Every structure is written in C-alpha cells, then in structure tokens.
Amino acid sequence: MSDDERRAHWDAAYASKGDEGVSWFEGTPAVSLDLIRKHAAVAMSSLIDIGGGASRLVDALLDEGMTAITVLDLSPAALEAARARLCARADQVHWIAADVTEWKPERAYDIWHDRAAFHFLTDPDDRAAYIERLEAAVTPGGHAIIATFAPDGPARCSGLPVVRYDPAALADVIGPSFRLVEAITHQHKTPWNSAQAFQFSVLERVR
C-alpha cells in the first residue's frame, strides 16, 4: 500500500465513522496516562504521540499541564477532528500530518507514545524506518511507550493486517538502543463492546 493509499484509507475511516466510532476509540486513555505519569514528570516533559490522530490523550495531557506536545498522524482528517475538538487549546499543540516512516524528526522528545500504529507496519523496511526515527527522536534516558495487539489479539484492524507482539518480541524488534523496563496487558473495549487484547511496552533509551 502506497503512502497516498494509506492516507486515503485512514481519512475514509474517520470520515465514515467519526472519531468516536473507530474501534480504537477511548474516552479516557487511562493506561497510556498511567504509564506516562510513572515514567516522566508530565508537566516538565516533551512528548510525541505517534498515530495520535483524534485520540483524547492530548486533551488529558493539556489538562495535566504538559506544554510540549506533538501529535503525528498520517491522516489530516484525524488531526483536524482533534483540533476542532480542542478549539483554542489546539494552538498549544504541534500537529504533524506525515507517515512516521518518512518523517524527519526536527527535535528530541522525552516520551514517544504509540498506541496501535507500529503493529500496522508489516513490511520489514517500514519497521526499520520507524525504528530509525524512534532512535533519532528519543532523548537518552527517555522512554518509548508502544502498544500493539497482543499475541491473542486481532490479526487485522480496520481491514488491514497487523503484526502481534509479546513484550520480548517487541523489544527484540526495536533493538539494543532501548531496554524493556515494563510491560502490561490490557483488554480494550471497542465502542461496540467487543474485547481486543493489547500489550503495552515501556522501553528506555539506553544508547
């Protein structure tokens, strides 16, 4: 799937279902928030949300006083939905419409957050490009919080195949620049009340 095709796919998903109708919607991103709070001083840290789209995470982080927030997503439609929801507060956030595998980081971050973007990268070259950006964008001692479908989670999402990971497999793919420091499983309930098994891994930048 080309970059244009992927962008069109996700724009169509948001246009047809709305940000509260997609399977990954969370009214309160509690697991992500708990992990961010545990591994960073929220108000003093910088964060990039990869594939953040129209997620409510940015709302919660603004509420907690974070001032250095970037949201990156392939879909301009998803980002526009978030900007419209935040109204004037949207100006406090840096928005990037880009494919993470082609994006060039212009600064470093204390926290790299990715809930359900990495597992869509089924091509090894795309995964390698993602990891290159991850290494370029996370400060030494910083953390990457990456959530994927767990081994018993769905094999597809939004009509696309995914790669499922356990924490050890994810850490192995990410490579030696990061070490796994925490992992938890989570049963996400979709808007239609079905369960999806996720695993959240926290990896610390060590070199």
N, C-alpha and C. Protein backbone atom coordinates (compact mmCIF):
# COMPACT_ATOMS: atom_id res chain seq x y z
N MET A 1 0.85 -1.19 0.00
CA MET A 1 0.00 0.00 0.00
C MET A 1 0.88 1.24 0.00
N SER A 2 0.63 2.14 -0.93
CA SER A 2 1.43 3.36 -1.04
C SER A 2 1.05 4.33 0.07
N ASP A 3 1.89 5.37 0.23
CA ASP A 3 1.63 6.40 1.23
C ASP A 3 0.29 7.07 0.98
N ASP A 4 -0.01 7.39 -0.28
CA ASP A 4 -1.28 8.03 -0.61
C ASP A 4 -2.46 7.11 -0.31
N GLU A 5 -2.29 5.82 -0.59
CA GLU A 5 -3.37 4.86 -0.32
C GLU A 5 -3.61 4.72 1.18
N ARG A 6 -2.53 4.70 1.97
CA ARG A 6 -2.69 4.60 3.42
C ARG A 6 -3.38 5.85 3.98
N ARG A 7 -2.97 7.01 3.48
CA ARG A 7 -3.61 8.25 3.94
C ARG A 7 -5.09 8.24 3.60
N ALA A 8 -5.43 7.83 2.39
CA ALA A 8 -6.83 7.79 1.97
C ALA A 8 -7.62 6.79 2.81
N HIS A 9 -6.99 5.67 3.15
CA HIS A 9 -7.67 4.65 3.97
C HIS A 9 -8.06 5.24 5.33
N TRP A 10 -7.11 5.92 6.00
CA TRP A 10 -7.40 6.43 7.34
C TRP A 10 -8.30 7.65 7.30
N ASP A 11 -8.16 8.50 6.29
CA ASP A 11 -9.10 9.61 6.14
C ASP A 11 -10.52 9.09 5.99
N ALA A 12 -10.68 8.03 5.18
CA ALA A 12 -12.01 7.46 4.96
C ALA A 12 -12.56 6.84 6.23
N ALA A 13 -11.71 6.21 7.03
CA ALA A 13 -12.16 5.60 8.29
C ALA A 13 -12.74 6.65 9.22
N TYR A 14 -12.04 7.79 9.35
CA TYR A 14 -12.55 8.85 10.23
C TYR A 14 -13.77 9.53 9.63
N ALA A 15 -13.78 9.71 8.30
CA ALA A 15 -14.91 10.39 7.67
C ALA A 15 -16.18 9.56 7.78
N SER A 16 -16.06 8.23 7.68
CA SER A 16 -17.25 7.37 7.67
C SER A 16 -17.75 7.03 9.07
N LYS A 17 -16.84 6.96 10.05
CA LYS A 17 -17.22 6.50 11.39
C LYS A 17 -17.17 7.59 12.45
N GLY A 18 -16.44 8.66 12.19
CA GLY A 18 -16.24 9.66 13.22
C GLY A 18 -15.20 9.19 14.21
N ASP A 19 -14.65 10.12 14.98
CA ASP A 19 -13.56 9.73 15.87
C ASP A 19 -14.03 8.84 17.01
N GLU A 20 -15.32 8.85 17.35
CA GLU A 20 -15.81 8.01 18.43
C GLU A 20 -16.35 6.67 17.92
N GLY A 21 -16.33 6.46 16.61
CA GLY A 21 -16.86 5.22 16.05
C GLY A 21 -15.81 4.23 15.61
N VAL A 22 -14.54 4.61 15.69
CA VAL A 22 -13.47 3.69 15.29
C VAL A 22 -13.17 2.73 16.43
N SER A 23 -12.66 1.56 16.10
CA SER A 23 -12.51 0.50 17.10
C SER A 23 -11.54 0.87 18.21
N TRP A 24 -10.57 1.74 17.92
CA TRP A 24 -9.54 2.06 18.91
C TRP A 24 -9.93 3.23 19.81
N PHE A 25 -11.14 3.75 19.67
CA PHE A 25 -11.54 4.92 20.46
C PHE A 25 -11.51 4.62 21.96
N GLU A 26 -10.97 5.58 22.73
CA GLU A 26 -11.00 5.55 24.20
C GLU A 26 -11.47 6.91 24.70
N GLY A 27 -12.50 6.93 25.50
CA GLY A 27 -12.93 8.18 26.08
C GLY A 27 -11.88 8.74 27.02
N THR A 28 -11.25 7.85 27.79
CA THR A 28 -10.15 8.21 28.68
C THR A 28 -9.02 7.23 28.45
N PRO A 29 -7.86 7.68 27.95
CA PRO A 29 -6.73 6.77 27.69
C PRO A 29 -5.98 6.44 28.97
N ALA A 30 -6.63 5.70 29.87
CA ALA A 30 -6.13 5.54 31.24
C ALA A 30 -4.78 4.82 31.29
N VAL A 31 -4.61 3.76 30.50
CA VAL A 31 -3.36 3.00 30.57
C VAL A 31 -2.19 3.87 30.11
N SER A 32 -2.37 4.55 28.99
CA SER A 32 -1.31 5.43 28.50
C SER A 32 -0.97 6.51 29.52
N LEU A 33 -1.98 7.14 30.09
CA LEU A 33 -1.74 8.19 31.08
C LEU A 33 -0.98 7.67 32.29
N ASP A 34 -1.38 6.50 32.78
CA ASP A 34 -0.71 5.94 33.96
C ASP A 34 0.77 5.68 33.67
N LEU A 35 1.07 5.15 32.48
CA LEU A 35 2.46 4.85 32.14
C LEU A 35 3.27 6.13 31.92
N ILE A 36 2.67 7.13 31.31
CA ILE A 36 3.37 8.40 31.13
C ILE A 36 3.68 9.03 32.48
N ARG A 37 2.70 9.04 33.38
CA ARG A 37 2.93 9.60 34.70
C ARG A 37 4.02 8.85 35.46
N LYS A 38 4.06 7.55 35.28
CA LYS A 38 5.02 6.72 36.03
C LYS A 38 6.45 6.95 35.56
N HIS A 39 6.62 7.21 34.28
CA HIS A 39 7.97 7.26 33.72
C HIS A 39 8.44 8.66 33.33
N ALA A 40 7.66 9.68 33.63
CA ALA A 40 8.07 11.05 33.29
C ALA A 40 7.38 12.03 34.22
N ALA A 41 8.02 13.18 34.40
CA ALA A 41 7.38 14.30 35.09
C ALA A 41 6.53 15.01 34.04
N VAL A 42 5.23 14.77 34.06
CA VAL A 42 4.37 15.11 32.94
C VAL A 42 4.49 16.58 32.53
N ALA A 43 4.32 17.49 33.48
CA ALA A 43 4.29 18.91 33.12
C ALA A 43 5.62 19.40 32.57
N MET A 44 6.72 18.72 32.89
CA MET A 44 8.04 19.18 32.50
C MET A 44 8.60 18.42 31.30
N SER A 45 7.87 17.46 30.78
CA SER A 45 8.38 16.59 29.73
C SER A 45 7.85 16.98 28.36
N SER A 46 8.57 16.54 27.33
CA SER A 46 8.11 16.69 25.95
C SER A 46 7.68 15.33 25.44
N LEU A 47 6.62 15.31 24.64
CA LEU A 47 6.04 14.04 24.18
C LEU A 47 5.61 14.16 22.74
N ILE A 48 5.82 13.07 22.00
CA ILE A 48 5.24 12.95 20.67
C ILE A 48 4.33 11.73 20.66
N ASP A 49 3.11 11.93 20.16
CA ASP A 49 2.12 10.86 20.08
C ASP A 49 2.06 10.40 18.62
N ILE A 50 2.63 9.23 18.35
CA ILE A 50 2.72 8.69 17.00
C ILE A 50 1.39 8.00 16.65
N GLY A 51 0.81 8.41 15.53
CA GLY A 51 -0.50 7.87 15.18
C GLY A 51 -1.59 8.36 16.11
N GLY A 52 -1.35 9.54 16.72
CA GLY A 52 -2.29 10.04 17.72
C GLY A 52 -3.65 10.39 17.16
N GLY A 53 -3.70 10.78 15.90
CA GLY A 53 -4.98 11.05 15.26
C GLY A 53 -5.89 11.93 16.09
N ALA A 54 -7.10 11.44 16.33
CA ALA A 54 -8.08 12.19 17.11
C ALA A 54 -8.17 11.69 18.55
N SER A 55 -7.12 11.01 19.02
CA SER A 55 -7.09 10.48 20.38
C SER A 55 -7.33 11.57 21.42
N ARG A 56 -7.95 11.16 22.54
CA ARG A 56 -8.17 12.07 23.67
C ARG A 56 -6.93 12.22 24.55
N LEU A 57 -5.83 11.55 24.22
CA LEU A 57 -4.64 11.66 25.06
C LEU A 57 -4.16 13.10 25.14
N VAL A 58 -4.17 13.82 24.02
CA VAL A 58 -3.69 15.19 24.02
C VAL A 58 -4.51 16.07 24.96
N ASP A 59 -5.81 15.85 25.03
CA ASP A 59 -6.68 16.62 25.93
C ASP A 59 -6.23 16.41 27.38
N ALA A 60 -6.01 15.13 27.72
CA ALA A 60 -5.65 14.80 29.10
C ALA A 60 -4.28 15.37 29.47
N LEU A 61 -3.34 15.33 28.54
CA LEU A 61 -2.01 15.87 28.82
C LEU A 61 -2.04 17.38 29.00
N LEU A 62 -2.84 18.06 28.19
CA LEU A 62 -3.00 19.50 28.38
C LEU A 62 -3.62 19.79 29.75
N ASP A 63 -4.59 18.99 30.15
CA ASP A 63 -5.22 19.16 31.46
C ASP A 63 -4.20 19.02 32.59
N GLU A 64 -3.17 18.17 32.36
CA GLU A 64 -2.17 17.92 33.40
C GLU A 64 -0.99 18.88 33.32
N GLY A 65 -1.07 19.85 32.43
CA GLY A 65 -0.06 20.89 32.40
C GLY A 65 1.10 20.67 31.45
N MET A 66 1.04 19.65 30.60
CA MET A 66 2.12 19.45 29.65
C MET A 66 2.05 20.53 28.57
N THR A 67 3.20 21.11 28.28
CA THR A 67 3.23 22.22 27.33
C THR A 67 3.98 21.89 26.04
N ALA A 68 4.68 20.76 26.01
CA ALA A 68 5.47 20.39 24.82
C ALA A 68 4.91 19.09 24.24
N ILE A 69 3.81 19.21 23.50
CA ILE A 69 3.12 18.05 22.94
C ILE A 69 3.12 18.14 21.42
N THR A 70 3.49 17.04 20.78
CA THR A 70 3.40 16.91 19.33
C THR A 70 2.53 15.71 19.02
N VAL A 71 1.62 15.87 18.07
CA VAL A 71 0.80 14.76 17.60
C VAL A 71 1.09 14.55 16.12
N LEU A 72 1.51 13.34 15.78
CA LEU A 72 1.81 12.99 14.39
C LEU A 72 0.84 11.91 13.93
N ASP A 73 0.26 12.12 12.77
CA ASP A 73 -0.64 11.12 12.21
C ASP A 73 -0.63 11.21 10.69
N LEU A 74 -0.85 10.08 10.05
CA LEU A 74 -0.89 10.03 8.61
C LEU A 74 -2.12 10.74 8.05
N SER A 75 -3.20 10.79 8.84
CA SER A 75 -4.48 11.29 8.37
C SER A 75 -4.72 12.75 8.75
N PRO A 76 -4.72 13.67 7.79
CA PRO A 76 -5.09 15.05 8.10
C PRO A 76 -6.50 15.16 8.67
N ALA A 77 -7.41 14.29 8.24
CA ALA A 77 -8.78 14.33 8.74
C ALA A 77 -8.83 14.04 10.24
N ALA A 78 -8.02 13.09 10.69
CA ALA A 78 -7.99 12.77 12.12
C ALA A 78 -7.44 13.93 12.93
N LEU A 79 -6.37 14.54 12.44
CA LEU A 79 -5.79 15.67 13.15
C LEU A 79 -6.76 16.86 13.19
N GLU A 80 -7.47 17.08 12.11
CA GLU A 80 -8.43 18.18 12.08
C GLU A 80 -9.56 17.94 13.08
N ALA A 81 -9.98 16.68 13.25
CA ALA A 81 -11.01 16.36 14.24
C ALA A 81 -10.52 16.70 15.64
N ALA A 82 -9.26 16.40 15.93
CA ALA A 82 -8.71 16.72 17.25
C ALA A 82 -8.60 18.23 17.44
N ARG A 83 -8.14 18.93 16.42
CA ARG A 83 -8.01 20.38 16.51
C ARG A 83 -9.37 21.04 16.75
N ALA A 84 -10.38 20.56 16.04
CA ALA A 84 -11.72 21.13 16.21
C ALA A 84 -12.25 20.88 17.61
N ARG A 85 -11.97 19.71 18.15
CA ARG A 85 -12.45 19.38 19.49
C ARG A 85 -11.78 20.25 20.54
N LEU A 86 -10.49 20.52 20.37
CA LEU A 86 -9.73 21.29 21.36
C LEU A 86 -9.98 22.79 21.27
N CYS A 87 -10.52 23.24 20.15
CA CYS A 87 -10.78 24.68 19.95
C CYS A 87 -9.49 25.47 20.16
N ALA A 88 -9.52 26.50 20.99
CA ALA A 88 -8.36 27.38 21.15
C ALA A 88 -7.15 26.65 21.71
N ARG A 89 -7.38 25.59 22.48
CA ARG A 89 -6.25 24.85 23.06
C ARG A 89 -5.42 24.14 21.99
N ALA A 90 -5.96 23.97 20.80
CA ALA A 90 -5.22 23.31 19.73
C ALA A 90 -3.93 24.05 19.39
N ASP A 91 -3.92 25.37 19.63
CA ASP A 91 -2.74 26.16 19.32
C ASP A 91 -1.57 25.85 20.26
N GLN A 92 -1.83 25.13 21.35
CA GLN A 92 -0.77 24.75 22.29
C GLN A 92 -0.06 23.46 21.86
N VAL A 93 -0.52 22.85 20.78
CA VAL A 93 -0.01 21.55 20.32
C VAL A 93 0.64 21.71 18.95
N HIS A 94 1.71 20.97 18.72
CA HIS A 94 2.35 20.93 17.41
C HIS A 94 1.77 19.75 16.64
N TRP A 95 1.16 19.99 15.50
CA TRP A 95 0.48 18.96 14.72
C TRP A 95 1.31 18.64 13.47
N ILE A 96 1.51 17.35 13.21
CA ILE A 96 2.28 16.93 12.04
C ILE A 96 1.47 15.89 11.27
N ALA A 97 1.13 16.19 10.03
CA ALA A 97 0.48 15.22 9.14
C ALA A 97 1.57 14.57 8.31
N ALA A 98 1.92 13.33 8.65
CA ALA A 98 3.03 12.67 7.98
C ALA A 98 2.98 11.17 8.25
N ASP A 99 3.62 10.42 7.38
CA ASP A 99 3.87 9.00 7.59
C ASP A 99 5.12 8.90 8.46
N VAL A 100 5.02 8.26 9.61
CA VAL A 100 6.15 8.19 10.52
C VAL A 100 7.37 7.54 9.87
N THR A 101 7.18 6.68 8.89
CA THR A 101 8.32 6.01 8.25
C THR A 101 9.06 6.93 7.29
N GLU A 102 8.49 8.10 6.99
CA GLU A 102 9.14 9.06 6.09
C GLU A 102 9.45 10.40 6.76
N TRP A 103 8.89 10.61 7.92
CA TRP A 103 9.06 11.85 8.67
C TRP A 103 10.51 12.02 9.13
N LYS A 104 10.97 13.26 9.19
CA LYS A 104 12.30 13.58 9.68
C LYS A 104 12.19 14.35 10.99
N PRO A 105 12.53 13.75 12.12
CA PRO A 105 12.42 14.46 13.40
C PRO A 105 13.28 15.72 13.41
N GLU A 106 12.71 16.80 13.89
CA GLU A 106 13.43 18.07 13.98
C GLU A 106 13.87 18.39 15.39
N ARG A 107 13.48 17.56 16.35
CA ARG A 107 13.86 17.76 17.74
C ARG A 107 13.78 16.41 18.45
N ALA A 108 14.21 16.40 19.71
CA ALA A 108 14.14 15.17 20.51
C ALA A 108 13.03 15.30 21.55
N TYR A 109 12.56 14.16 22.02
CA TYR A 109 11.45 14.10 22.96
C TYR A 109 11.80 13.20 24.14
N ASP A 110 11.19 13.50 25.29
CA ASP A 110 11.36 12.65 26.46
C ASP A 110 10.51 11.39 26.36
N ILE A 111 9.37 11.51 25.70
CA ILE A 111 8.43 10.38 25.61
C ILE A 111 7.96 10.22 24.17
N TRP A 112 8.06 9.02 23.68
CA TRP A 112 7.49 8.62 22.39
C TRP A 112 6.31 7.71 22.72
N HIS A 113 5.12 8.13 22.38
CA HIS A 113 3.93 7.33 22.68
C HIS A 113 3.31 6.85 21.38
N ASP A 114 3.00 5.58 21.32
CA ASP A 114 2.41 4.98 20.12
C ASP A 114 1.41 3.92 20.56
N ARG A 115 0.16 4.24 20.44
CA ARG A 115 -0.88 3.25 20.73
C ARG A 115 -1.48 2.79 19.40
N ALA A 116 -1.01 1.62 18.94
CA ALA A 116 -1.60 0.93 17.79
C ALA A 116 -1.23 1.53 16.44
N ALA A 117 -0.01 2.06 16.31
CA ALA A 117 0.49 2.45 15.00
C ALA A 117 1.53 1.44 14.50
N PHE A 118 2.50 1.11 15.36
CA PHE A 118 3.60 0.23 14.95
C PHE A 118 3.11 -1.11 14.45
N HIS A 119 2.04 -1.64 15.04
CA HIS A 119 1.64 -3.00 14.64
C HIS A 119 1.07 -3.06 13.22
N PHE A 120 0.79 -1.91 12.60
CA PHE A 120 0.37 -1.92 11.20
C PHE A 120 1.55 -2.05 10.23
N LEU A 121 2.76 -1.94 10.73
CA LEU A 121 3.94 -2.00 9.86
C LEU A 121 4.33 -3.46 9.64
N THR A 122 3.76 -4.04 8.61
CA THR A 122 4.01 -5.47 8.31
C THR A 122 5.23 -5.67 7.43
N ASP A 123 5.72 -4.61 6.81
CA ASP A 123 6.89 -4.71 5.94
C ASP A 123 8.16 -4.44 6.75
N PRO A 124 9.17 -5.29 6.67
CA PRO A 124 10.39 -5.08 7.45
C PRO A 124 11.07 -3.74 7.18
N ASP A 125 11.02 -3.26 5.94
CA ASP A 125 11.63 -1.96 5.63
C ASP A 125 10.90 -0.83 6.34
N ASP A 126 9.58 -0.91 6.44
CA ASP A 126 8.82 0.10 7.17
C ASP A 126 9.16 0.07 8.66
N ARG A 127 9.30 -1.13 9.21
CA ARG A 127 9.67 -1.23 10.62
C ARG A 127 11.06 -0.63 10.86
N ALA A 128 11.98 -0.91 9.96
CA ALA A 128 13.33 -0.36 10.10
C ALA A 128 13.31 1.16 10.03
N ALA A 129 12.49 1.73 9.14
CA ALA A 129 12.38 3.19 9.03
C ALA A 129 11.78 3.78 10.29
N TYR A 130 10.78 3.12 10.87
CA TYR A 130 10.17 3.57 12.12
C TYR A 130 11.21 3.60 13.22
N ILE A 131 11.98 2.53 13.35
CA ILE A 131 12.97 2.44 14.43
C ILE A 131 14.06 3.49 14.25
N GLU A 132 14.43 3.77 13.02
CA GLU A 132 15.40 4.84 12.76
C GLU A 132 14.89 6.16 13.29
N ARG A 133 13.62 6.47 13.07
CA ARG A 133 13.02 7.72 13.57
C ARG A 133 12.92 7.68 15.10
N LEU A 134 12.57 6.54 15.64
CA LEU A 134 12.48 6.38 17.09
C LEU A 134 13.82 6.69 17.74
N GLU A 135 14.88 6.13 17.20
CA GLU A 135 16.22 6.36 17.76
C GLU A 135 16.64 7.83 17.63
N ALA A 136 16.22 8.46 16.55
CA ALA A 136 16.59 9.86 16.33
C ALA A 136 15.81 10.81 17.22
N ALA A 137 14.63 10.39 17.68
CA ALA A 137 13.71 11.33 18.32
C ALA A 137 13.62 11.21 19.83
N VAL A 138 14.16 10.15 20.43
CA VAL A 138 14.03 9.97 21.88
C VAL A 138 15.35 10.31 22.56
N THR A 139 15.29 11.17 23.56
CA THR A 139 16.49 11.59 24.29
C THR A 139 17.08 10.42 25.08
N PRO A 140 18.39 10.42 25.33
CA PRO A 140 18.98 9.41 26.22
C PRO A 140 18.28 9.44 27.58
N GLY A 141 17.89 8.27 28.06
CA GLY A 141 17.12 8.20 29.30
C GLY A 141 15.64 8.41 29.11
N GLY A 142 15.23 8.78 27.91
CA GLY A 142 13.81 8.93 27.60
C GLY A 142 13.15 7.58 27.41
N HIS A 143 11.85 7.61 27.17
CA HIS A 143 11.08 6.36 27.09
C HIS A 143 10.18 6.32 25.86
N ALA A 144 10.04 5.12 25.34
CA ALA A 144 9.05 4.84 24.30
C ALA A 144 7.97 3.96 24.91
N ILE A 145 6.74 4.39 24.79
CA ILE A 145 5.59 3.60 25.23
C ILE A 145 4.87 3.16 23.97
N ILE A 146 4.95 1.87 23.68
CA ILE A 146 4.41 1.33 22.43
C ILE A 146 3.39 0.25 22.75
N ALA A 147 2.18 0.45 22.26
CA ALA A 147 1.10 -0.52 22.47
C ALA A 147 0.75 -1.18 21.14
N THR A 148 0.70 -2.49 21.14
CA THR A 148 0.33 -3.27 19.97
C THR A 148 -0.71 -4.30 20.36
N PHE A 149 -1.33 -4.92 19.38
CA PHE A 149 -2.14 -6.08 19.71
C PHE A 149 -1.25 -7.17 20.28
N ALA A 150 -1.73 -7.81 21.33
CA ALA A 150 -1.03 -8.92 21.95
C ALA A 150 -1.14 -10.18 21.07
N PRO A 151 -0.37 -11.23 21.39
CA PRO A 151 -0.45 -12.45 20.57
C PRO A 151 -1.85 -13.03 20.44
N ASP A 152 -2.70 -12.81 21.43
CA ASP A 152 -4.08 -13.30 21.35
C ASP A 152 -5.05 -12.20 20.90
N GLY A 153 -4.52 -11.10 20.40
CA GLY A 153 -5.36 -10.03 19.89
C GLY A 153 -5.76 -10.27 18.45
N PRO A 154 -6.50 -9.33 17.85
CA PRO A 154 -6.94 -9.49 16.47
C PRO A 154 -5.77 -9.55 15.49
N ALA A 155 -5.98 -10.28 14.39
CA ALA A 155 -4.97 -10.36 13.34
C ALA A 155 -5.11 -9.23 12.33
N ARG A 156 -6.24 -8.51 12.38
CA ARG A 156 -6.49 -7.40 11.47
C ARG A 156 -7.18 -6.28 12.24
N CYS A 157 -7.03 -5.06 11.72
CA CYS A 157 -7.72 -3.91 12.30
C CYS A 157 -8.07 -2.96 11.18
N SER A 158 -9.28 -2.45 11.17
CA SER A 158 -9.73 -1.53 10.13
C SER A 158 -9.48 -2.08 8.73
N GLY A 159 -9.62 -3.40 8.60
CA GLY A 159 -9.46 -4.04 7.30
C GLY A 159 -8.03 -4.31 6.88
N LEU A 160 -7.06 -3.97 7.75
CA LEU A 160 -5.64 -4.15 7.41
C LEU A 160 -5.00 -5.19 8.31
N PRO A 161 -4.01 -5.94 7.80
CA PRO A 161 -3.30 -6.90 8.65
C PRO A 161 -2.39 -6.18 9.63
N VAL A 162 -2.14 -6.82 10.76
CA VAL A 162 -1.22 -6.28 11.76
C VAL A 162 -0.23 -7.37 12.16
N VAL A 163 0.82 -6.94 12.85
CA VAL A 163 1.78 -7.87 13.45
C VAL A 163 1.56 -7.81 14.96
N ARG A 164 1.29 -8.97 15.56
CA ARG A 164 1.05 -9.03 17.00
C ARG A 164 2.37 -9.33 17.73
N TYR A 165 2.51 -8.76 18.92
CA TYR A 165 3.77 -8.89 19.66
C TYR A 165 3.51 -9.23 21.13
N ASP A 166 4.43 -10.02 21.71
CA ASP A 166 4.55 -10.03 23.15
C ASP A 166 5.69 -9.07 23.51
N PRO A 167 5.87 -8.72 24.78
CA PRO A 167 6.87 -7.71 25.12
C PRO A 167 8.29 -8.07 24.66
N ALA A 168 8.68 -9.33 24.81
CA ALA A 168 10.04 -9.73 24.43
C ALA A 168 10.24 -9.60 22.92
N ALA A 169 9.23 -10.00 22.15
CA ALA A 169 9.35 -9.91 20.69
C ALA A 169 9.43 -8.45 20.25
N LEU A 170 8.65 -7.58 20.87
CA LEU A 170 8.71 -6.17 20.51
C LEU A 170 10.08 -5.58 20.85
N ALA A 171 10.59 -5.87 22.05
CA ALA A 171 11.90 -5.37 22.44
C ALA A 171 12.98 -5.85 21.49
N ASP A 172 12.87 -7.09 21.04
CA ASP A 172 13.85 -7.64 20.11
C ASP A 172 13.82 -6.89 18.78
N VAL A 173 12.61 -6.57 18.29
CA VAL A 173 12.48 -5.84 17.03
C VAL A 173 13.01 -4.42 17.18
N ILE A 174 12.70 -3.75 18.28
CA ILE A 174 13.13 -2.37 18.48
C ILE A 174 14.66 -2.29 18.57
N GLY A 175 15.29 -3.27 19.18
CA GLY A 175 16.74 -3.33 19.14
C GLY A 175 17.45 -2.82 20.38
N PRO A 176 18.78 -2.87 20.37
CA PRO A 176 19.56 -2.64 21.59
C PRO A 176 19.65 -1.21 22.06
N SER A 177 19.18 -0.26 21.28
CA SER A 177 19.20 1.13 21.75
C SER A 177 18.18 1.38 22.86
N PHE A 178 17.28 0.44 23.06
CA PHE A 178 16.26 0.54 24.09
C PHE A 178 16.22 -0.75 24.91
N ARG A 179 15.88 -0.62 26.19
CA ARG A 179 15.68 -1.82 27.01
C ARG A 179 14.26 -1.81 27.58
N LEU A 180 13.67 -2.97 27.63
CA LEU A 180 12.32 -3.12 28.16
C LEU A 180 12.34 -2.92 29.67
N VAL A 181 11.54 -1.99 30.18
CA VAL A 181 11.50 -1.75 31.62
C VAL A 181 10.15 -2.06 32.24
N GLU A 182 9.11 -2.17 31.42
CA GLU A 182 7.79 -2.50 31.95
C GLU A 182 6.91 -2.98 30.81
N ALA A 183 6.01 -3.91 31.13
CA ALA A 183 5.04 -4.37 30.15
C ALA A 183 3.76 -4.77 30.87
N ILE A 184 2.64 -4.40 30.29
CA ILE A 184 1.35 -4.79 30.86
C ILE A 184 0.42 -5.19 29.72
N THR A 185 -0.54 -6.03 30.04
CA THR A 185 -1.59 -6.38 29.08
C THR A 185 -2.85 -5.61 29.44
N HIS A 186 -3.67 -5.41 28.42
CA HIS A 186 -4.88 -4.62 28.62
C HIS A 186 -5.96 -5.10 27.66
N GLN A 187 -7.15 -5.29 28.18
CA GLN A 187 -8.30 -5.65 27.35
C GLN A 187 -9.06 -4.38 27.00
N HIS A 188 -8.89 -3.93 25.77
CA HIS A 188 -9.59 -2.74 25.30
C HIS A 188 -10.99 -3.10 24.86
N LYS A 189 -11.96 -2.30 25.28
CA LYS A 189 -13.35 -2.48 24.86
C LYS A 189 -13.65 -1.49 23.73
N THR A 190 -14.04 -2.02 22.59
CA THR A 190 -14.37 -1.17 21.45
C THR A 190 -15.71 -0.46 21.70
N PRO A 191 -16.06 0.52 20.87
CA PRO A 191 -17.35 1.19 21.04
C PRO A 191 -18.54 0.25 20.96
N TRP A 192 -18.39 -0.91 20.32
CA TRP A 192 -19.49 -1.89 20.27
C TRP A 192 -19.29 -3.01 21.27
N ASN A 193 -18.40 -2.77 22.27
CA ASN A 193 -18.24 -3.62 23.45
C ASN A 193 -17.60 -4.98 23.18
N SER A 194 -16.84 -5.11 22.11
CA SER A 194 -16.03 -6.30 21.93
C SER A 194 -14.66 -6.06 22.55
N ALA A 195 -13.94 -7.13 22.87
CA ALA A 195 -12.65 -7.00 23.55
C ALA A 195 -11.51 -7.20 22.57
N GLN A 196 -10.47 -6.39 22.74
CA GLN A 196 -9.24 -6.53 21.96
C GLN A 196 -8.07 -6.58 22.93
N ALA A 197 -7.24 -7.62 22.80
CA ALA A 197 -6.10 -7.79 23.70
C ALA A 197 -4.92 -6.97 23.21
N PHE A 198 -4.50 -6.00 24.03
CA PHE A 198 -3.34 -5.17 23.77
C PHE A 198 -2.22 -5.53 24.73
N GLN A 199 -0.99 -5.24 24.33
CA GLN A 199 0.11 -5.22 25.27
C GLN A 199 0.84 -3.89 25.13
N PHE A 200 1.10 -3.27 26.28
CA PHE A 200 1.83 -2.00 26.35
C PHE A 200 3.24 -2.28 26.84
N SER A 201 4.23 -1.84 26.10
CA SER A 201 5.62 -1.99 26.50
C SER A 201 6.24 -0.61 26.72
N VAL A 202 7.00 -0.48 27.79
CA VAL A 202 7.76 0.74 28.06
C VAL A 202 9.23 0.39 27.87
N LEU A 203 9.88 1.13 26.96
CA LEU A 203 11.29 0.88 26.65
C LEU A 203 12.09 2.15 26.91
N GLU A 204 13.19 2.02 27.63
CA GLU A 204 14.05 3.15 27.97
C GLU A 204 15.20 3.26 26.99
N ARG A 205 15.48 4.47 26.53
CA ARG A 205 16.61 4.71 25.63
C ARG A 205 17.91 4.59 26.42
N VAL A 206 18.73 3.65 26.02
CA VAL A 206 19.96 3.39 26.78
C VAL A 206 21.22 3.73 26.01
N ARG A 207 21.12 3.92 24.70
CA ARG A 207 22.33 4.29 23.94
C ARG A 207 21.95 4.89 22.61
